[in-house]
C-alpha atoms as a PDB file:
ATOM      1  CA  MET A   1      83.011 -13.524  28.376  1.00  0.00           C
ATOM      2  CA  ASP A   2      85.667 -16.229  28.612  1.00  0.00           C
ATOM      3  CA  THR A   3      84.857 -18.977  26.111  1.00  0.00           C
ATOM      4  CA  LYS A   4      88.268 -20.645  26.080  1.00  0.00           C
ATOM      5  CA  PHE A   5      88.322 -24.326  27.006  1.00  0.00           C
ATOM      6  CA  LYS A   6      89.850 -25.189  30.378  1.00  0.00           C
ATOM      7  CA  SER A   7      91.059 -28.505  31.700  1.00  0.00           C
ATOM      8  CA  GLY A   8      93.025 -29.913  34.580  1.00  0.00           C
ATOM      9  CA  PHE A   9      93.648 -32.657  37.100  1.00  0.00           C
ATOM     10  CA  LEU A  10      92.293 -32.370  40.637  1.00  0.00           C
ATOM     11  CA  ALA A  11      93.383 -34.613  43.507  1.00  0.00           C
ATOM     12  CA  ILE A  12      90.865 -35.367  46.250  1.00  0.00           C
ATOM     13  CA  ILE A  13      92.672 -36.059  49.511  1.00  0.00           C
ATOM     14  CA  GLY A  14      91.664 -36.385  53.135  1.00  0.00           C
ATOM     15  CA  ARG A  15      91.448 -38.703  56.061  1.00  0.00           C
ATOM     16  CA  PRO A  16      89.757 -42.052  55.426  1.00  0.00           C
ATOM     17  CA  ASN A  17      85.956 -42.025  55.248  1.00  0.00           C
ATOM     18  CA  VAL A  18      85.364 -38.296  54.709  1.00  0.00           C
ATOM     19  CA  GLY A  19      83.283 -38.883  51.565  1.00  0.00           C
ATOM     20  CA  LYS A  20      85.811 -38.603  48.722  1.00  0.00           C
ATOM     21  CA  SER A  21      84.363 -41.485  46.693  1.00  0.00           C
ATOM     22  CA  THR A  22      80.785 -40.320  47.299  1.00  0.00           C
ATOM     23  CA  PHE A  23      81.714 -36.867  46.017  1.00  0.00           C
ATOM     24  CA  MET A  24      83.352 -38.158  42.853  1.00  0.00           C
ATOM     25  CA  ASN A  25      80.583 -40.636  42.034  1.00  0.00           C
ATOM     26  CA  ASN A  26      77.954 -37.920  42.435  1.00  0.00           C
ATOM     27  CA  VAL A  27      79.881 -35.415  40.302  1.00  0.00           C
ATOM     28  CA  ILE A  28      80.556 -37.944  37.544  1.00  0.00           C
ATOM     29  CA  GLY A  29      77.006 -39.308  37.735  1.00  0.00           C
ATOM     30  CA  GLN A  30      77.976 -42.977  37.808  1.00  0.00           C
ATOM     31  CA  LYS A  31      79.597 -45.274  40.330  1.00  0.00           C
ATOM     32  CA  ILE A  32      83.296 -45.704  39.547  1.00  0.00           C
ATOM     33  CA  ALA A  33      84.691 -45.580  43.098  1.00  0.00           C
ATOM     34  CA  ILE A  34      83.427 -47.911  45.781  1.00  0.00           C
ATOM     35  CA  MET A  35      81.748 -46.554  48.880  1.00  0.00           C
ATOM     36  CA  SER A  36      81.805 -47.993  52.372  1.00  0.00           C
ATOM     37  CA  ASP A  37      81.514 -46.652  55.907  1.00  0.00           C
ATOM     38  CA  LYS A  38      84.710 -48.547  56.686  1.00  0.00           C
ATOM     39  CA  ALA A  39      87.898 -46.520  56.565  1.00  0.00           C
ATOM     40  CA  GLN A  40      90.499 -46.909  53.811  1.00  0.00           C
ATOM     41  CA  THR A  41      88.147 -48.344  51.216  1.00  0.00           C
ATOM     42  CA  THR A  42      89.920 -46.852  48.181  1.00  0.00           C
ATOM     43  CA  ARG A  43      93.244 -48.591  47.428  1.00  0.00           C
ATOM     44  CA  ASN A  44      94.261 -47.185  44.050  1.00  0.00           C
ATOM     45  CA  LYS A  45      94.025 -43.806  42.376  1.00  0.00           C
ATOM     46  CA  ILE A  46      90.696 -43.755  40.573  1.00  0.00           C
ATOM     47  CA  GLN A  47      90.222 -41.093  37.913  1.00  0.00           C
ATOM     48  CA  GLY A  48      86.796 -39.684  37.184  1.00  0.00           C
ATOM     49  CA  VAL A  49      86.261 -37.422  34.186  1.00  0.00           C
ATOM     50  CA  LEU A  50      83.670 -34.638  34.051  1.00  0.00           C
ATOM     51  CA  THR A  51      83.349 -33.015  30.627  1.00  0.00           C
ATOM     52  CA  GLU A  52      81.275 -29.897  30.081  1.00  0.00           C
ATOM     53  CA  GLU A  53      81.003 -27.476  27.159  1.00  0.00           C
ATOM     54  CA  ASP A  54      83.733 -25.196  28.469  1.00  0.00           C
ATOM     55  CA  ALA A  55      85.893 -27.461  30.611  1.00  0.00           C
ATOM     56  CA  GLN A  56      87.080 -30.947  31.458  1.00  0.00           C
ATOM     57  CA  LEU A  57      87.798 -31.764  35.112  1.00  0.00           C
ATOM     58  CA  VAL A  58      89.727 -34.947  35.846  1.00  0.00           C
ATOM     59  CA  PHE A  59      89.258 -35.919  39.485  1.00  0.00           C
ATOM     60  CA  ILE A  60      91.681 -38.311  41.161  1.00  0.00           C
ATOM     61  CA  ASP A  61      90.180 -40.052  44.186  1.00  0.00           C
ATOM     62  CA  THR A  62      93.147 -41.122  46.293  1.00  0.00           C
ATOM     63  CA  PRO A  63      93.347 -43.555  49.196  1.00  0.00           C
ATOM     64  CA  GLY A  64      92.876 -41.850  52.551  1.00  0.00           C
ATOM     65  CA  ILE A  65      96.167 -40.569  53.950  1.00  0.00           C
ATOM     66  CA  HIS A  66      96.829 -42.344  57.242  1.00  0.00           C
ATOM     67  CA  LYS A  67      99.664 -43.859  59.237  1.00  0.00           C
ATOM     68  CA  PRO A  68     100.174 -47.265  57.574  1.00  0.00           C
ATOM     69  CA  LYS A  69     100.098 -50.544  59.502  1.00  0.00           C
ATOM     70  CA  HIS A  70     101.208 -52.944  56.729  1.00  0.00           C
ATOM     71  CA  ARG A  71     102.799 -52.955  53.266  1.00  0.00           C
ATOM     72  CA  LEU A  72      99.427 -52.395  51.614  1.00  0.00           C
ATOM     73  CA  GLY A  73      99.005 -49.348  53.844  1.00  0.00           C
ATOM     74  CA  ASP A  74     102.456 -48.109  52.797  1.00  0.00           C
ATOM     75  CA  PHE A  75     101.405 -48.458  49.161  1.00  0.00           C
ATOM     76  CA  MET A  76      98.118 -46.604  49.718  1.00  0.00           C
ATOM     77  CA  VAL A  77      99.748 -43.640  51.456  1.00  0.00           C
ATOM     78  CA  LYS A  78     102.553 -43.405  48.889  1.00  0.00           C
ATOM     79  CA  ILE A  79     100.040 -43.335  46.036  1.00  0.00           C
ATOM     80  CA  ALA A  80      98.095 -40.530  47.735  1.00  0.00           C
ATOM     81  CA  GLU A  81     101.156 -38.426  48.538  1.00  0.00           C
ATOM     82  CA  ASP A  82     102.742 -38.859  45.086  1.00  0.00           C
ATOM     83  CA  THR A  83      99.528 -37.599  43.501  1.00  0.00           C
ATOM     84  CA  LEU A  84      99.940 -34.187  45.141  1.00  0.00           C
ATOM     85  CA  ASN A  85     102.811 -33.295  42.815  1.00  0.00           C
ATOM     86  CA  GLU A  86     101.068 -34.447  39.639  1.00  0.00           C
ATOM     87  CA  VAL A  87      97.927 -32.280  39.633  1.00  0.00           C
ATOM     88  CA  ASP A  88      96.783 -28.711  38.946  1.00  0.00           C
ATOM     89  CA  ALA A  89      94.949 -28.321  42.263  1.00  0.00           C
ATOM     90  CA  ILE A  90      94.161 -30.244  45.441  1.00  0.00           C
ATOM     91  CA  LEU A  91      90.811 -30.700  47.166  1.00  0.00           C
ATOM     92  CA  PHE A  92      91.454 -31.372  50.855  1.00  0.00           C
ATOM     93  CA  MET A  93      88.193 -32.861  52.098  1.00  0.00           C
ATOM     94  CA  ILE A  94      87.198 -33.033  55.750  1.00  0.00           C
ATOM     95  CA  ASN A  95      84.182 -34.394  57.579  1.00  0.00           C
ATOM     96  CA  ALA A  96      82.279 -31.507  59.202  1.00  0.00           C
ATOM     97  CA  ASP A  97      80.739 -33.866  61.737  1.00  0.00           C
ATOM     98  CA  GLU A  98      84.154 -35.033  62.988  1.00  0.00           C
ATOM     99  CA  GLY A  99      85.925 -31.679  62.939  1.00  0.00           C
ATOM    100  CA  TYR A 100      89.652 -31.137  63.271  1.00  0.00           C
ATOM    101  CA  GLY A 101      91.794 -34.124  64.272  1.00  0.00           C
ATOM    102  CA  LYS A 102      95.406 -35.293  64.387  1.00  0.00           C
ATOM    103  CA  GLY A 103      94.926 -36.984  61.019  1.00  0.00           C
ATOM    104  CA  ASP A 104      94.170 -33.593  59.453  1.00  0.00           C
ATOM    105  CA  GLN A 105      97.368 -32.104  60.863  1.00  0.00           C
ATOM    106  CA  TYR A 106      99.277 -35.082  59.435  1.00  0.00           C
ATOM    107  CA  ILE A 107      97.955 -34.117  55.983  1.00  0.00           C
ATOM    108  CA  ILE A 108      98.444 -30.365  56.444  1.00  0.00           C
ATOM    109  CA  ASP A 109     102.101 -30.943  57.341  1.00  0.00           C
ATOM    110  CA  ARG A 110     102.551 -32.673  53.965  1.00  0.00           C
ATOM    111  CA  LEU A 111     100.677 -29.949  52.114  1.00  0.00           C
ATOM    112  CA  GLN A 112     103.227 -27.415  53.335  1.00  0.00           C
ATOM    113  CA  GLN A 113     105.704 -28.971  50.882  1.00  0.00           C
ATOM    114  CA  VAL A 114     103.331 -28.788  47.895  1.00  0.00           C
ATOM    115  CA  LYS A 115     103.286 -25.867  45.463  1.00  0.00           C
ATOM    116  CA  ARG A 116      99.711 -26.315  44.273  1.00  0.00           C
ATOM    117  CA  PRO A 117      96.524 -24.411  45.167  1.00  0.00           C
ATOM    118  CA  VAL A 118      94.635 -26.238  47.909  1.00  0.00           C
ATOM    119  CA  PHE A 119      90.862 -25.935  48.388  1.00  0.00           C
ATOM    120  CA  LEU A 120      89.367 -26.959  51.718  1.00  0.00           C
ATOM    121  CA  ILE A 121      86.144 -28.880  51.104  1.00  0.00           C
ATOM    122  CA  ILE A 122      84.042 -29.220  54.251  1.00  0.00           C
ATOM    123  CA  ASN A 123      81.829 -32.216  53.491  1.00  0.00           C
ATOM    124  CA  LYS A 124      78.774 -33.568  55.353  1.00  0.00           C
ATOM    125  CA  VAL A 125      77.639 -30.108  56.469  1.00  0.00           C
ATOM    126  CA  ASP A 126      74.116 -31.526  56.608  1.00  0.00           C
ATOM    127  CA  LEU A 127      75.185 -33.387  59.762  1.00  0.00           C
ATOM    128  CA  ILE A 128      76.027 -30.276  61.800  1.00  0.00           C
ATOM    129  CA  HIS A 129      74.142 -27.183  62.994  1.00  0.00           C
ATOM    130  CA  PRO A 130      74.854 -24.074  60.858  1.00  0.00           C
ATOM    131  CA  ASP A 131      76.214 -22.295  63.943  1.00  0.00           C
ATOM    132  CA  GLU A 132      79.018 -24.882  64.137  1.00  0.00           C
ATOM    133  CA  LEU A 133      80.298 -24.155  60.625  1.00  0.00           C
ATOM    134  CA  PHE A 134      81.949 -20.743  61.149  1.00  0.00           C
ATOM    135  CA  PRO A 135      84.159 -21.830  64.101  1.00  0.00           C
ATOM    136  CA  LEU A 136      85.211 -24.875  62.058  1.00  0.00           C
ATOM    137  CA  ILE A 137      86.195 -22.673  59.104  1.00  0.00           C
ATOM    138  CA  GLU A 138      88.168 -20.351  61.386  1.00  0.00           C
ATOM    139  CA  ARG A 139      90.086 -23.229  62.924  1.00  0.00           C
ATOM    140  CA  TYR A 140      91.246 -24.539  59.549  1.00  0.00           C
ATOM    141  CA  LYS A 141      92.044 -21.028  58.311  1.00  0.00           C
ATOM    142  CA  ASN A 142      94.564 -20.771  61.125  1.00  0.00           C
ATOM    143  CA  LYS A 143      96.222 -24.028  60.070  1.00  0.00           C
ATOM    144  CA  TYR A 144      96.823 -23.412  56.347  1.00  0.00           C
ATOM    145  CA  ASN A 145      96.478 -20.725  53.690  1.00  0.00           C
ATOM    146  CA  PHE A 146      93.734 -22.337  51.598  1.00  0.00           C
ATOM    147  CA  GLU A 147      92.844 -20.971  48.158  1.00  0.00           C
ATOM    148  CA  GLU A 148      89.164 -21.114  49.124  1.00  0.00           C
ATOM    149  CA  ILE A 149      86.980 -22.906  51.661  1.00  0.00           C
ATOM    150  CA  ILE A 150      83.747 -24.434  50.368  1.00  0.00           C
ATOM    151  CA  PRO A 151      81.170 -26.280  52.515  1.00  0.00           C
ATOM    152  CA  ILE A 152      79.202 -29.019  50.719  1.00  0.00           C
ATOM    153  CA  SER A 153      77.149 -32.154  51.167  1.00  0.00           C
ATOM    154  CA  ALA A 154      78.391 -34.662  48.585  1.00  0.00           C
ATOM    155  CA  LEU A 155      75.613 -37.096  49.452  1.00  0.00           C
ATOM    156  CA  HIS A 156      72.790 -34.598  48.881  1.00  0.00           C
ATOM    157  CA  GLY A 157      74.548 -32.408  46.304  1.00  0.00           C
ATOM    158  CA  ASN A 158      74.384 -29.230  48.383  1.00  0.00           C
ATOM    159  CA  ASN A 159      76.695 -26.485  46.999  1.00  0.00           C
ATOM    160  CA  VAL A 160      78.459 -28.957  44.679  1.00  0.00           C
ATOM    161  CA  THR A 161      77.582 -26.973  41.534  1.00  0.00           C
ATOM    162  CA  HIS A 162      79.046 -23.841  43.155  1.00  0.00           C
ATOM    163  CA  LEU A 163      82.227 -25.788  43.973  1.00  0.00           C
ATOM    164  CA  LEU A 164      82.562 -26.946  40.366  1.00  0.00           C
ATOM    165  CA  ASP A 165      82.165 -23.357  39.119  1.00  0.00           C
ATOM    166  CA  ILE A 166      84.964 -22.224  41.449  1.00  0.00           C
ATOM    167  CA  LEU A 167      87.251 -25.031  40.316  1.00  0.00           C
ATOM    168  CA  LYS A 168      86.656 -24.252  36.632  1.00  0.00           C
ATOM    169  CA  ARG A 169      87.636 -20.622  37.201  1.00  0.00           C
ATOM    170  CA  HIS A 170      90.969 -21.758  38.642  1.00  0.00           C
ATOM    171  CA  LEU A 171      91.781 -24.295  35.918  1.00  0.00           C
ATOM    172  CA  PRO A 172      94.320 -23.391  33.237  1.00  0.00           C
ATOM    173  CA  GLU A 173      93.427 -23.280  29.565  1.00  0.00           C
ATOM    174  CA  GLY A 174      94.061 -26.711  28.118  1.00  0.00           C
ATOM    175  CA  PRO A 175      92.972 -29.512  25.819  1.00  0.00           C
ATOM    176  CA  GLN A 176      90.223 -32.047  26.230  1.00  0.00           C
ATOM    177  CA  TYR A 177      92.233 -35.036  27.467  1.00  0.00           C
ATOM    178  CA  TYR A 178      89.459 -37.620  27.206  1.00  0.00           C
ATOM    179  CA  PRO A 179      86.487 -38.136  24.859  1.00  0.00           C
ATOM    180  CA  GLU A 180      83.355 -36.449  26.194  1.00  0.00           C
ATOM    181  CA  ASP A 181      81.600 -39.773  26.829  1.00  0.00           C
ATOM    182  CA  GLN A 182      84.491 -41.263  28.848  1.00  0.00           C
ATOM    183  CA  ILE A 183      84.038 -41.057  32.624  1.00  0.00           C
ATOM    184  CA  THR A 184      87.120 -42.923  33.881  1.00  0.00           C
ATOM    185  CA  ASP A 185      90.534 -44.126  32.741  1.00  0.00           C
ATOM    186  CA  HIS A 186      90.256 -47.430  34.591  1.00  0.00           C
ATOM    187  CA  PRO A 187      89.442 -50.562  32.605  1.00  0.00           C
ATOM    188  CA  GLU A 188      86.095 -52.245  33.172  1.00  0.00           C
ATOM    189  CA  ARG A 189      87.842 -55.248  34.738  1.00  0.00           C
ATOM    190  CA  PHE A 190      89.183 -53.054  37.563  1.00  0.00           C
ATOM    191  CA  ILE A 191      85.816 -51.422  38.268  1.00  0.00           C
ATOM    192  CA  ILE A 192      84.023 -54.793  38.252  1.00  0.00           C
ATOM    193  CA  GLY A 193      86.458 -56.067  40.870  1.00  0.00           C
ATOM    194  CA  GLU A 194      85.907 -52.950  42.967  1.00  0.00           C
ATOM    195  CA  LEU A 195      82.115 -53.330  42.803  1.00  0.00           C
ATOM    196  CA  ILE A 196      82.386 -56.908  44.062  1.00  0.00           C
ATOM    197  CA  ARG A 197      84.729 -55.817  46.871  1.00  0.00           C
ATOM    198  CA  GLU A 198      82.320 -53.043  47.843  1.00  0.00           C
ATOM    199  CA  LYS A 199      79.456 -55.505  48.335  1.00  0.00           C
ATOM    200  CA  ALA A 200      81.653 -57.847  50.368  1.00  0.00           C
ATOM    201  CA  LEU A 201      82.620 -54.973  52.663  1.00  0.00           C
ATOM    202  CA  GLN A 202      79.070 -53.723  53.014  1.00  0.00           C
ATOM    203  CA  LEU A 203      77.467 -57.084  53.748  1.00  0.00           C
ATOM    204  CA  THR A 204      80.080 -58.487  56.136  1.00  0.00           C
ATOM    205  CA  ARG A 205      80.211 -55.230  58.103  1.00  0.00           C
ATOM    206  CA  GLU A 206      82.607 -55.433  61.061  1.00  0.00           C
ATOM    207  CA  GLU A 207      83.135 -59.182  60.779  1.00  0.00           C
ATOM    208  CA  VAL A 208      85.674 -58.966  57.964  1.00  0.00           C
ATOM    209  CA  PRO A 209      88.275 -56.154  57.989  1.00  0.00           C
ATOM    210  CA  HIS A 210      89.960 -54.760  54.899  1.00  0.00           C
ATOM    211  CA  SER A 211      91.897 -57.958  54.330  1.00  0.00           C
ATOM    212  CA  ILE A 212      90.047 -58.909  51.169  1.00  0.00           C
ATOM    213  CA  ALA A 213      90.917 -58.438  47.516  1.00  0.00           C
ATOM    214  CA  VAL A 214      89.056 -59.405  44.368  1.00  0.00           C
ATOM    215  CA  VAL A 215      90.736 -61.030  41.381  1.00  0.00           C
ATOM    216  CA  ILE A 216      88.810 -61.172  38.092  1.00  0.00           C
ATOM    217  CA  GLU A 217      89.760 -64.549  36.642  1.00  0.00           C
ATOM    218  CA  ASN A 218      87.781 -64.375  33.413  1.00  0.00           C
ATOM    219  CA  ILE A 219      85.406 -62.123  31.478  1.00  0.00           C
ATOM    220  CA  GLU A 220      83.756 -63.587  28.414  1.00  0.00           C
ATOM    221  CA  THR A 221      80.973 -62.429  26.132  1.00  0.00           C
ATOM    222  CA  ARG A 222      79.289 -65.593  24.901  1.00  0.00           C
ATOM    223  CA  ASP A 223      76.503 -63.890  22.994  1.00  0.00           C
ATOM    224  CA  SER A 224      75.478 -60.331  22.260  1.00  0.00           C
ATOM    225  CA  ASN A 225      73.281 -60.010  25.332  1.00  0.00           C
ATOM    226  CA  ALA A 226      75.258 -61.627  28.158  1.00  0.00           C
ATOM    227  CA  VAL A 227      78.644 -61.291  29.860  1.00  0.00           C
ATOM    228  CA  PHE A 228      80.027 -64.163  31.945  1.00  0.00           C
ATOM    229  CA  ILE A 229      82.372 -63.170  34.777  1.00  0.00           C
ATOM    230  CA  GLN A 230      84.375 -65.399  37.097  1.00  0.00           C
ATOM    231  CA  ALA A 231      86.005 -63.810  40.127  1.00  0.00           C
ATOM    232  CA  ALA A 232      87.796 -64.870  43.304  1.00  0.00           C
ATOM    233  CA  ILE A 233      87.449 -63.078  46.626  1.00  0.00           C
ATOM    234  CA  VAL A 234      90.794 -63.430  48.398  1.00  0.00           C
ATOM    235  CA  THR A 235      91.076 -63.222  52.171  1.00  0.00           C
ATOM    236  CA  GLU A 236      93.793 -63.861  54.751  1.00  0.00           C
ATOM    237  CA  ARG A 237      92.185 -66.376  57.125  1.00  0.00           C
ATOM    238  CA  LYS A 238      89.949 -69.433  56.952  1.00  0.00           C
ATOM    239  CA  THR A 239      87.571 -67.887  59.469  1.00  0.00           C
ATOM    240  CA  GLN A 240      87.080 -64.927  57.136  1.00  0.00           C
ATOM    241  CA  LYS A 241      86.454 -67.304  54.250  1.00  0.00           C
ATOM    242  CA  GLY A 242      83.658 -68.910  56.242  1.00  0.00           C
ATOM    243  CA  ILE A 243      82.071 -65.538  56.981  1.00  0.00           C
ATOM    244  CA  ILE A 244      82.178 -64.464  53.317  1.00  0.00           C
ATOM    245  CA  ILE A 245      80.646 -67.764  52.154  1.00  0.00           C
ATOM    246  CA  GLY A 246      78.021 -67.746  54.915  1.00  0.00           C
ATOM    247  CA  LYS A 247      75.643 -70.491  55.974  1.00  0.00           C
ATOM    248  CA  GLN A 248      75.014 -72.756  52.985  1.00  0.00           C
ATOM    249  CA  GLY A 249      76.594 -70.115  50.773  1.00  0.00           C
ATOM    250  CA  SER A 250      74.027 -67.436  51.655  1.00  0.00           C
ATOM    251  CA  MET A 251      76.475 -64.552  52.147  1.00  0.00           C
ATOM    252  CA  LEU A 252      78.390 -65.218  48.923  1.00  0.00           C
ATOM    253  CA  LYS A 253      75.073 -65.436  47.080  1.00  0.00           C
ATOM    254  CA  ASP A 254      74.000 -62.028  48.444  1.00  0.00           C
ATOM    255  CA  ILE A 255      77.353 -60.469  47.516  1.00  0.00           C
ATOM    256  CA  GLY A 256      77.011 -61.811  43.977  1.00  0.00           C
ATOM    257  CA  LYS A 257      73.393 -60.678  43.626  1.00  0.00           C
ATOM    258  CA  LYS A 258      74.095 -57.092  44.676  1.00  0.00           C
ATOM    259  CA  ALA A 259      77.365 -56.835  42.727  1.00  0.00           C
ATOM    260  CA  ARG A 260      75.736 -58.205  39.577  1.00  0.00           C
ATOM    261  CA  LYS A 261      73.122 -55.427  39.672  1.00  0.00           C
ATOM    262  CA  ASP A 262      75.809 -52.715  39.678  1.00  0.00           C
ATOM    263  CA  ILE A 263      77.904 -54.507  37.056  1.00  0.00           C
ATOM    264  CA  GLU A 264      74.908 -54.782  34.730  1.00  0.00           C
ATOM    265  CA  ALA A 265      74.363 -51.025  35.120  1.00  0.00           C
ATOM    266  CA  LEU A 266      78.035 -50.454  34.301  1.00  0.00           C
ATOM    267  CA  LEU A 267      78.147 -52.728  31.249  1.00  0.00           C
ATOM    268  CA  GLY A 268      74.603 -52.188  30.005  1.00  0.00           C
ATOM    269  CA  SER A 269      74.053 -55.907  29.479  1.00  0.00           C
ATOM    270  CA  LYS A 270      72.962 -59.046  31.299  1.00  0.00           C
ATOM    271  CA  VAL A 271      75.667 -60.475  33.569  1.00  0.00           C
ATOM    272  CA  TYR A 272      76.281 -63.989  34.887  1.00  0.00           C
ATOM    273  CA  LEU A 273      78.606 -63.743  37.884  1.00  0.00           C
ATOM    274  CA  GLU A 274      80.410 -66.714  39.420  1.00  0.00           C
ATOM    275  CA  LEU A 275      82.203 -66.085  42.712  1.00  0.00           C
ATOM    276  CA  TRP A 276      84.383 -68.208  44.956  1.00  0.00           C
ATOM    277  CA  VAL A 277      86.584 -67.514  47.983  1.00  0.00           C
ATOM    278  CA  LYS A 278      90.206 -68.483  48.543  1.00  0.00           C
ATOM    279  CA  VAL A 279      92.671 -67.914  51.382  1.00  0.00           C
ATOM    280  CA  GLN A 280      96.128 -66.394  50.897  1.00  0.00           C
ATOM    281  CA  LYS A 281      97.642 -65.818  54.323  1.00  0.00           C
ATOM    282  CA  ASP A 282      99.037 -62.343  55.106  1.00  0.00           C
ATOM    283  CA  TRP A 283      98.802 -61.206  51.456  1.00  0.00           C
ATOM    284  CA  ARG A 284      98.785 -57.511  52.449  1.00  0.00           C
ATOM    285  CA  ASN A 285     102.417 -57.800  53.561  1.00  0.00           C
ATOM    286  CA  LYS A 286     103.686 -59.719  50.521  1.00  0.00           C
ATOM    287  CA  GLN A 287     104.891 -57.495  47.692  1.00  0.00           C
ATOM    288  CA  SER A 288     104.518 -60.224  45.048  1.00  0.00           C
ATOM    289  CA  GLN A 289     100.853 -60.684  45.908  1.00  0.00           C
ATOM    290  CA  LEU A 290     100.237 -56.946  46.136  1.00  0.00           C
ATOM    291  CA  ARG A 291     101.508 -56.678  42.556  1.00  0.00           C
ATOM    292  CA  GLU A 292      99.434 -59.681  41.471  1.00  0.00           C
ATOM    293  CA  PHE A 293      96.311 -58.018  42.870  1.00  0.00           C
ATOM    294  CA  GLY A 294      96.996 -54.759  41.038  1.00  0.00           C
ATOM    295  CA  PHE A 295      98.681 -52.649  43.700  1.00  0.00           C
ATOM    296  CA  ARG A 296     101.652 -51.501  41.638  1.00  0.00           C
ATOM    297  CA  SER A 297     104.057 -48.619  41.960  1.00  0.00           C
ATOM    298  CA  ASP A 298     107.327 -48.335  40.088  1.00  0.00           C
ATOM    299  CA  GLU A 299     108.964 -46.772  43.118  1.00  0.00           C
ATOM    300  CA  TYR A 300     107.289 -48.886  45.779  1.00  0.00           C
END
């Protein structure tokens, strides 16, 4: 019986909106990556740490690989592609309900240059008939020599434990990189901003595209039981500002109410959240503002 400790870094890649963040949140057991049915929700690498008695798996949820339309898009794709050369293995996740598409070939072409084991994770299998699964597997087998192909449902947890067992078998022997109670390497300030952005995306639906950012202006603990947070939601146009604020401030109030609930769960304390909205035109194409909002890359 192998009792040696194993550890490693695992990149989760795939087209936008295939369920990467849902998978990582469910595996880690706590929300650290935001979820939305809008594409390209994740903008930075977000590391989630799963520590068990015999292994530590460090998952890196990358932005969806896509053809970029602006400087922020360039940043997102570069982050995702750079990650492929920094990990022990790659989880290429696809949406079973959507099947093979040009976006998958775009990713497979890049994987041809990577000398890392690649696992094909077919997510959302609960959305298709079982008879559709085998032809889907065969099609991807013909496109790339995957280490293994594992169908799962990240949302419902189907076959996820089996996937984790497979990944642990492939990990090298190694140290425990993070304390066993640490679930991410991102600071709380970053995750708080992401939780606020998630609620803004969810509540505004199709009315506001991914042209918003969240800047945490101040976090202050004024007594042992309460944390006071001030944050700005940044958007590109005045019309978007009006939508986010809503009639008599109703939308902004709803965003704050829902975000505060998740932030309190994260921090384990009472939270007072103050939000406001400001306009910074075309910020996604301005490198100085991308850096100010936390989208940094030494080579970008």
